[in-house]
Amino acid sequence: MTVGANVKQCLATLKSIEAGLSTLASNSSDEEAQRLFHEQMIVMEEIKEDIMKRVGELEQEEEQYKGF
């Protein structure tokens, strides 16, 4: 698996984790738990943005990663 494919797979995993946190927050009746899940979703969003920047860098730096 190429570096580009690994980074894309990481991004997909992060999106899955974020969706799981959203589900947990929605299903929780404890307000403190909901708050914590939402806080972690914000952290995951920041990490996703960093990874998406890296995807852009890879596409600019390495011809073989364009459009992967």
PDB file of N, CA and C in Angstrom:
ATOM      1  N   MET A   1       0.842  -1.171   0.000  1.00  0.00           N
ATOM      2  CA  MET A   1       0.000   0.000   0.000  1.00  0.00           C
ATOM      3  C   MET A   1       0.891   1.238   0.000  1.00  0.00           C
ATOM      4  N   THR A   2       0.523   2.217  -0.824  1.00  0.00           N
ATOM      5  CA  THR A   2       1.331   3.428  -0.935  1.00  0.00           C
ATOM      6  C   THR A   2       1.084   4.367   0.254  1.00  0.00           C
ATOM      7  N   VAL A   3       1.971   5.322   0.400  1.00  0.00           N
ATOM      8  CA  VAL A   3       1.817   6.317   1.453  1.00  0.00           C
ATOM      9  C   VAL A   3       0.488   7.050   1.272  1.00  0.00           C
ATOM     10  N   GLY A   4       0.180   7.427   0.040  1.00  0.00           N
ATOM     11  CA  GLY A   4      -1.069   8.127  -0.233  1.00  0.00           C
ATOM     12  C   GLY A   4      -2.278   7.308   0.162  1.00  0.00           C
ATOM     13  N   ALA A   5      -2.264   6.037  -0.151  1.00  0.00           N
ATOM     14  CA  ALA A   5      -3.380   5.157   0.208  1.00  0.00           C
ATOM     15  C   ALA A   5      -3.488   5.019   1.723  1.00  0.00           C
ATOM     16  N   ASN A   6      -2.350   4.940   2.392  1.00  0.00           N
ATOM     17  CA  ASN A   6      -2.363   4.855   3.860  1.00  0.00           C
ATOM     18  C   ASN A   6      -2.950   6.113   4.491  1.00  0.00           C
ATOM     19  N   VAL A   7      -2.587   7.270   3.951  1.00  0.00           N
ATOM     20  CA  VAL A   7      -3.103   8.523   4.485  1.00  0.00           C
ATOM     21  C   VAL A   7      -4.607   8.616   4.245  1.00  0.00           C
ATOM     22  N   LYS A   8      -5.056   8.220   3.060  1.00  0.00           N
ATOM     23  CA  LYS A   8      -6.496   8.225   2.764  1.00  0.00           C
ATOM     24  C   LYS A   8      -7.236   7.251   3.683  1.00  0.00           C
ATOM     25  N   GLN A   9      -6.653   6.100   3.941  1.00  0.00           N
ATOM     26  CA  GLN A   9      -7.269   5.125   4.834  1.00  0.00           C
ATOM     27  C   GLN A   9      -7.353   5.692   6.254  1.00  0.00           C
ATOM     28  N   CYS A  10      -6.328   6.386   6.679  1.00  0.00           N
ATOM     29  CA  CYS A  10      -6.324   7.038   7.994  1.00  0.00           C
ATOM     30  C   CYS A  10      -7.456   8.055   8.067  1.00  0.00           C
ATOM     31  N   LEU A  11      -7.640   8.832   7.015  1.00  0.00           N
ATOM     32  CA  LEU A  11      -8.707   9.828   6.975  1.00  0.00           C
ATOM     33  C   LEU A  11     -10.075   9.158   7.077  1.00  0.00           C
ATOM     34  N   ALA A  12     -10.256   8.067   6.366  1.00  0.00           N
ATOM     35  CA  ALA A  12     -11.524   7.331   6.433  1.00  0.00           C
ATOM     36  C   ALA A  12     -11.769   6.798   7.849  1.00  0.00           C
ATOM     37  N   THR A  13     -10.730   6.320   8.489  1.00  0.00           N
ATOM     38  CA  THR A  13     -10.854   5.820   9.863  1.00  0.00           C
ATOM     39  C   THR A  13     -11.238   6.943  10.820  1.00  0.00           C
ATOM     40  N   LEU A  14     -10.630   8.100  10.639  1.00  0.00           N
ATOM     41  CA  LEU A  14     -10.961   9.250  11.482  1.00  0.00           C
ATOM     42  C   LEU A  14     -12.424   9.645  11.311  1.00  0.00           C
ATOM     43  N   LYS A  15     -12.913   9.619  10.082  1.00  0.00           N
ATOM     44  CA  LYS A  15     -14.323   9.939   9.827  1.00  0.00           C
ATOM     45  C   LYS A  15     -15.229   8.924  10.515  1.00  0.00           C
ATOM     46  N   SER A  16     -14.829   7.672  10.500  1.00  0.00           N
ATOM     47  CA  SER A  16     -15.608   6.625  11.156  1.00  0.00           C
ATOM     48  C   SER A  16     -15.641   6.835  12.667  1.00  0.00           C
ATOM     49  N   ILE A  17     -14.505   7.179  13.241  1.00  0.00           N
ATOM     50  CA  ILE A  17     -14.432   7.440  14.677  1.00  0.00           C
ATOM     51  C   ILE A  17     -15.314   8.626  15.032  1.00  0.00           C
ATOM     52  N   GLU A  18     -15.252   9.662  14.219  1.00  0.00           N
ATOM     53  CA  GLU A  18     -16.070  10.846  14.470  1.00  0.00           C
ATOM     54  C   GLU A  18     -17.562  10.496  14.431  1.00  0.00           C
ATOM     55  N   ALA A  19     -17.961   9.674  13.488  1.00  0.00           N
ATOM     56  CA  ALA A  19     -19.359   9.237  13.399  1.00  0.00           C
ATOM     57  C   ALA A  19     -19.742   8.418  14.630  1.00  0.00           C
ATOM     58  N   GLY A  20     -18.839   7.576  15.099  1.00  0.00           N
ATOM     59  CA  GLY A  20     -19.092   6.788  16.300  1.00  0.00           C
ATOM     60  C   GLY A  20     -19.268   7.670  17.519  1.00  0.00           C
ATOM     61  N   LEU A  21     -18.447   8.697  17.638  1.00  0.00           N
ATOM     62  CA  LEU A  21     -18.582   9.629  18.755  1.00  0.00           C
ATOM     63  C   LEU A  21     -19.915  10.364  18.690  1.00  0.00           C
ATOM     64  N   SER A  22     -20.330  10.721  17.490  1.00  0.00           N
ATOM     65  CA  SER A  22     -21.616  11.390  17.317  1.00  0.00           C
ATOM     66  C   SER A  22     -22.766  10.486  17.762  1.00  0.00           C
ATOM     67  N   THR A  23     -22.682   9.221  17.390  1.00  0.00           N
ATOM     68  CA  THR A  23     -23.704   8.260  17.792  1.00  0.00           C
ATOM     69  C   THR A  23     -23.730   8.094  19.307  1.00  0.00           C
ATOM     70  N   LEU A  24     -22.564   7.980  19.900  1.00  0.00           N
ATOM     71  CA  LEU A  24     -22.491   7.842  21.356  1.00  0.00           C
ATOM     72  C   LEU A  24     -23.069   9.073  22.058  1.00  0.00           C
ATOM     73  N   ALA A  25     -22.765  10.244  21.531  1.00  0.00           N
ATOM     74  CA  ALA A  25     -23.295  11.468  22.130  1.00  0.00           C
ATOM     75  C   ALA A  25     -24.814  11.502  22.023  1.00  0.00           C
ATOM     76  N   SER A  26     -25.339  11.092  20.880  1.00  0.00           N
ATOM     77  CA  SER A  26     -26.790  11.101  20.680  1.00  0.00           C
ATOM     78  C   SER A  26     -27.497  10.085  21.564  1.00  0.00           C
ATOM     79  N   ASN A  27     -26.864   8.953  21.783  1.00  0.00           N
ATOM     80  CA  ASN A  27     -27.493   7.876  22.539  1.00  0.00           C
ATOM     81  C   ASN A  27     -27.316   8.001  24.050  1.00  0.00           C
ATOM     82  N   SER A  28     -26.442   8.892  24.480  1.00  0.00           N
ATOM     83  CA  SER A  28     -26.169   9.033  25.910  1.00  0.00           C
ATOM     84  C   SER A  28     -27.220   9.918  26.569  1.00  0.00           C
ATOM     85  N   SER A  29     -27.671   9.482  27.725  1.00  0.00           N
ATOM     86  CA  SER A  29     -28.619  10.297  28.490  1.00  0.00           C
ATOM     87  C   SER A  29     -27.897  11.166  29.518  1.00  0.00           C
ATOM     88  N   ASP A  30     -26.628  10.912  29.711  1.00  0.00           N
ATOM     89  CA  ASP A  30     -25.819  11.669  30.660  1.00  0.00           C
ATOM     90  C   ASP A  30     -25.265  12.920  29.968  1.00  0.00           C
ATOM     91  N   GLU A  31     -25.615  14.092  30.469  1.00  0.00           N
ATOM     92  CA  GLU A  31     -25.182  15.338  29.836  1.00  0.00           C
ATOM     93  C   GLU A  31     -23.664  15.500  29.847  1.00  0.00           C
ATOM     94  N   GLU A  32     -23.019  15.058  30.908  1.00  0.00           N
ATOM     95  CA  GLU A  32     -21.550  15.146  30.978  1.00  0.00           C
ATOM     96  C   GLU A  32     -20.916  14.266  29.906  1.00  0.00           C
ATOM     97  N   ALA A  33     -21.447  13.071  29.711  1.00  0.00           N
ATOM     98  CA  ALA A  33     -20.932  12.179  28.671  1.00  0.00           C
ATOM     99  C   ALA A  33     -21.146  12.794  27.287  1.00  0.00           C
ATOM    100  N   GLN A  34     -22.319  13.373  27.068  1.00  0.00           N
ATOM    101  CA  GLN A  34     -22.592  14.025  25.784  1.00  0.00           C
ATOM    102  C   GLN A  34     -21.586  15.138  25.521  1.00  0.00           C
ATOM    103  N   ARG A  35     -21.322  15.928  26.542  1.00  0.00           N
ATOM    104  CA  ARG A  35     -20.357  17.029  26.402  1.00  0.00           C
ATOM    105  C   ARG A  35     -18.974  16.504  26.052  1.00  0.00           C
ATOM    106  N   LEU A  36     -18.566  15.442  26.740  1.00  0.00           N
ATOM    107  CA  LEU A  36     -17.246  14.863  26.480  1.00  0.00           C
ATOM    108  C   LEU A  36     -17.152  14.291  25.065  1.00  0.00           C
ATOM    109  N   PHE A  37     -18.201  13.618  24.632  1.00  0.00           N
ATOM    110  CA  PHE A  37     -18.203  13.079  23.265  1.00  0.00           C
ATOM    111  C   PHE A  37     -18.109  14.214  22.243  1.00  0.00           C
ATOM    112  N   HIS A  38     -18.844  15.293  22.473  1.00  0.00           N
ATOM    113  CA  HIS A  38     -18.788  16.426  21.550  1.00  0.00           C
ATOM    114  C   HIS A  38     -17.409  17.078  21.545  1.00  0.00           C
ATOM    115  N   GLU A  39     -16.799  17.188  22.708  1.00  0.00           N
ATOM    116  CA  GLU A  39     -15.441  17.745  22.774  1.00  0.00           C
ATOM    117  C   GLU A  39     -14.475  16.895  21.960  1.00  0.00           C
ATOM    118  N   GLN A  40     -14.601  15.588  22.070  1.00  0.00           N
ATOM    119  CA  GLN A  40     -13.722  14.699  21.317  1.00  0.00           C
ATOM    120  C   GLN A  40     -14.002  14.768  19.820  1.00  0.00           C
ATOM    121  N   MET A  41     -15.257  15.020  19.460  1.00  0.00           N
ATOM    122  CA  MET A  41     -15.580  15.206  18.040  1.00  0.00           C
ATOM    123  C   MET A  41     -14.863  16.436  17.489  1.00  0.00           C
ATOM    124  N   ILE A  42     -14.760  17.480  18.297  1.00  0.00           N
ATOM    125  CA  ILE A  42     -14.045  18.691  17.878  1.00  0.00           C
ATOM    126  C   ILE A  42     -12.569  18.377  17.672  1.00  0.00           C
ATOM    127  N   VAL A  43     -11.994  17.610  18.585  1.00  0.00           N
ATOM    128  CA  VAL A  43     -10.592  17.205  18.457  1.00  0.00           C
ATOM    129  C   VAL A  43     -10.407  16.382  17.167  1.00  0.00           C
ATOM    130  N   MET A  44     -11.327  15.456  16.919  1.00  0.00           N
ATOM    131  CA  MET A  44     -11.236  14.623  15.714  1.00  0.00           C
ATOM    132  C   MET A  44     -11.327  15.480  14.454  1.00  0.00           C
ATOM    133  N   GLU A  45     -12.161  16.506  14.476  1.00  0.00           N
ATOM    134  CA  GLU A  45     -12.288  17.406  13.327  1.00  0.00           C
ATOM    135  C   GLU A  45     -10.961  18.115  13.054  1.00  0.00           C
ATOM    136  N   GLU A  46     -10.288  18.555  14.110  1.00  0.00           N
ATOM    137  CA  GLU A  46      -8.989  19.212  13.948  1.00  0.00           C
ATOM    138  C   GLU A  46      -7.964  18.244  13.357  1.00  0.00           C
ATOM    139  N   ILE A  47      -7.968  17.020  13.831  1.00  0.00           N
ATOM    140  CA  ILE A  47      -7.036  16.011  13.309  1.00  0.00           C
ATOM    141  C   ILE A  47      -7.351  15.724  11.843  1.00  0.00           C
ATOM    142  N   LYS A  48      -8.647  15.607  11.518  1.00  0.00           N
ATOM    143  CA  LYS A  48      -9.052  15.370  10.128  1.00  0.00           C
ATOM    144  C   LYS A  48      -8.555  16.487   9.220  1.00  0.00           C
ATOM    145  N   GLU A  49      -8.671  17.721   9.680  1.00  0.00           N
ATOM    146  CA  GLU A  49      -8.203  18.856   8.880  1.00  0.00           C
ATOM    147  C   GLU A  49      -6.708  18.760   8.622  1.00  0.00           C
ATOM    148  N   ASP A  50      -5.935  18.363   9.647  1.00  0.00           N
ATOM    149  CA  ASP A  50      -4.489  18.190   9.478  1.00  0.00           C
ATOM    150  C   ASP A  50      -4.187  17.100   8.443  1.00  0.00           C
ATOM    151  N   ILE A  51      -4.906  15.999   8.519  1.00  0.00           N
ATOM    152  CA  ILE A  51      -4.680  14.894   7.578  1.00  0.00           C
ATOM    153  C   ILE A  51      -5.078  15.320   6.166  1.00  0.00           C
ATOM    154  N   MET A  52      -6.168  16.065   6.044  1.00  0.00           N
ATOM    155  CA  MET A  52      -6.594  16.523   4.714  1.00  0.00           C
ATOM    156  C   MET A  52      -5.551  17.471   4.114  1.00  0.00           C
ATOM    157  N   LYS A  53      -4.914  18.286   4.955  1.00  0.00           N
ATOM    158  CA  LYS A  53      -3.818  19.138   4.477  1.00  0.00           C
ATOM    159  C   LYS A  53      -2.671  18.274   3.965  1.00  0.00           C
ATOM    160  N   ARG A  54      -2.393  17.194   4.692  1.00  0.00           N
ATOM    161  CA  ARG A  54      -1.309  16.296   4.281  1.00  0.00           C
ATOM    162  C   ARG A  54      -1.628  15.636   2.945  1.00  0.00           C
ATOM    163  N   VAL A  55      -2.882  15.278   2.741  1.00  0.00           N
ATOM    164  CA  VAL A  55      -3.293  14.711   1.450  1.00  0.00           C
ATOM    165  C   VAL A  55      -2.996  15.717   0.342  1.00  0.00           C
ATOM    166  N   GLY A  56      -3.350  16.980   0.579  1.00  0.00           N
ATOM    167  CA  GLY A  56      -3.070  18.023  -0.408  1.00  0.00           C
ATOM    168  C   GLY A  56      -1.583  18.171  -0.680  1.00  0.00           C
ATOM    169  N   GLU A  57      -0.781  18.115   0.372  1.00  0.00           N
ATOM    170  CA  GLU A  57       0.676  18.206   0.209  1.00  0.00           C
ATOM    171  C   GLU A  57       1.205  17.035  -0.607  1.00  0.00           C
ATOM    172  N   LEU A  58       0.710  15.843  -0.305  1.00  0.00           N
ATOM    173  CA  LEU A  58       1.150  14.665  -1.050  1.00  0.00           C
ATOM    174  C   LEU A  58       0.811  14.802  -2.533  1.00  0.00           C
ATOM    175  N   GLU A  59      -0.388  15.302  -2.812  1.00  0.00           N
ATOM    176  CA  GLU A  59      -0.804  15.435  -4.201  1.00  0.00           C
ATOM    177  C   GLU A  59       0.044  16.465  -4.933  1.00  0.00           C
ATOM    178  N   GLN A  60       0.492  17.510  -4.230  1.00  0.00           N
ATOM    179  CA  GLN A  60       1.341  18.518  -4.859  1.00  0.00           C
ATOM    180  C   GLN A  60       2.773  18.033  -5.040  1.00  0.00           C
ATOM    181  N   GLU A  61       3.275  17.298  -4.066  1.00  0.00           N
ATOM    182  CA  GLU A  61       4.671  16.877  -4.077  1.00  0.00           C
ATOM    183  C   GLU A  61       4.924  15.643  -4.932  1.00  0.00           C
ATOM    184  N   GLU A  62       3.988  14.740  -4.956  1.00  0.00           N
ATOM    185  CA  GLU A  62       4.200  13.458  -5.610  1.00  0.00           C
ATOM    186  C   GLU A  62       3.166  13.236  -6.703  1.00  0.00           C
ATOM    187  N   GLU A  63       3.617  13.210  -7.902  1.00  0.00           N
ATOM    188  CA  GLU A  63       2.737  13.048  -9.058  1.00  0.00           C
ATOM    189  C   GLU A  63       1.847  11.825  -8.962  1.00  0.00           C
ATOM    190  N   GLN A  64       2.378  10.724  -8.449  1.00  0.00           N
ATOM    191  CA  GLN A  64       1.616   9.476  -8.415  1.00  0.00           C
ATOM    192  C   GLN A  64       0.441   9.518  -7.444  1.00  0.00           C
ATOM    193  N   TYR A  65       0.389  10.509  -6.549  1.00  0.00           N
ATOM    194  CA  TYR A  65      -0.692  10.587  -5.580  1.00  0.00           C
ATOM    195  C   TYR A  65      -1.850  11.463  -6.037  1.00  0.00           C
ATOM    196  N   LYS A  66      -1.707  12.125  -7.158  1.00  0.00           N
ATOM    197  CA  LYS A  66      -2.787  13.002  -7.634  1.00  0.00           C
ATOM    198  C   LYS A  66      -4.038  12.186  -7.903  1.00  0.00           C
ATOM    199  N   GLY A  67      -5.128  12.636  -7.294  1.00  0.00           N
ATOM    200  CA  GLY A  67      -6.417  12.002  -7.529  1.00  0.00           C
ATOM    201  C   GLY A  67      -6.587  10.639  -6.926  1.00  0.00           C
ATOM    202  N   PHE A  68      -5.727  10.263  -5.978  1.00  0.00           N
ATOM    203  CA  PHE A  68      -5.863   8.915  -5.386  1.00  0.00           C
ATOM    204  C   PHE A  68      -7.019   8.846  -4.476  1.00  0.00           C
TER     205      PHE A  68
END
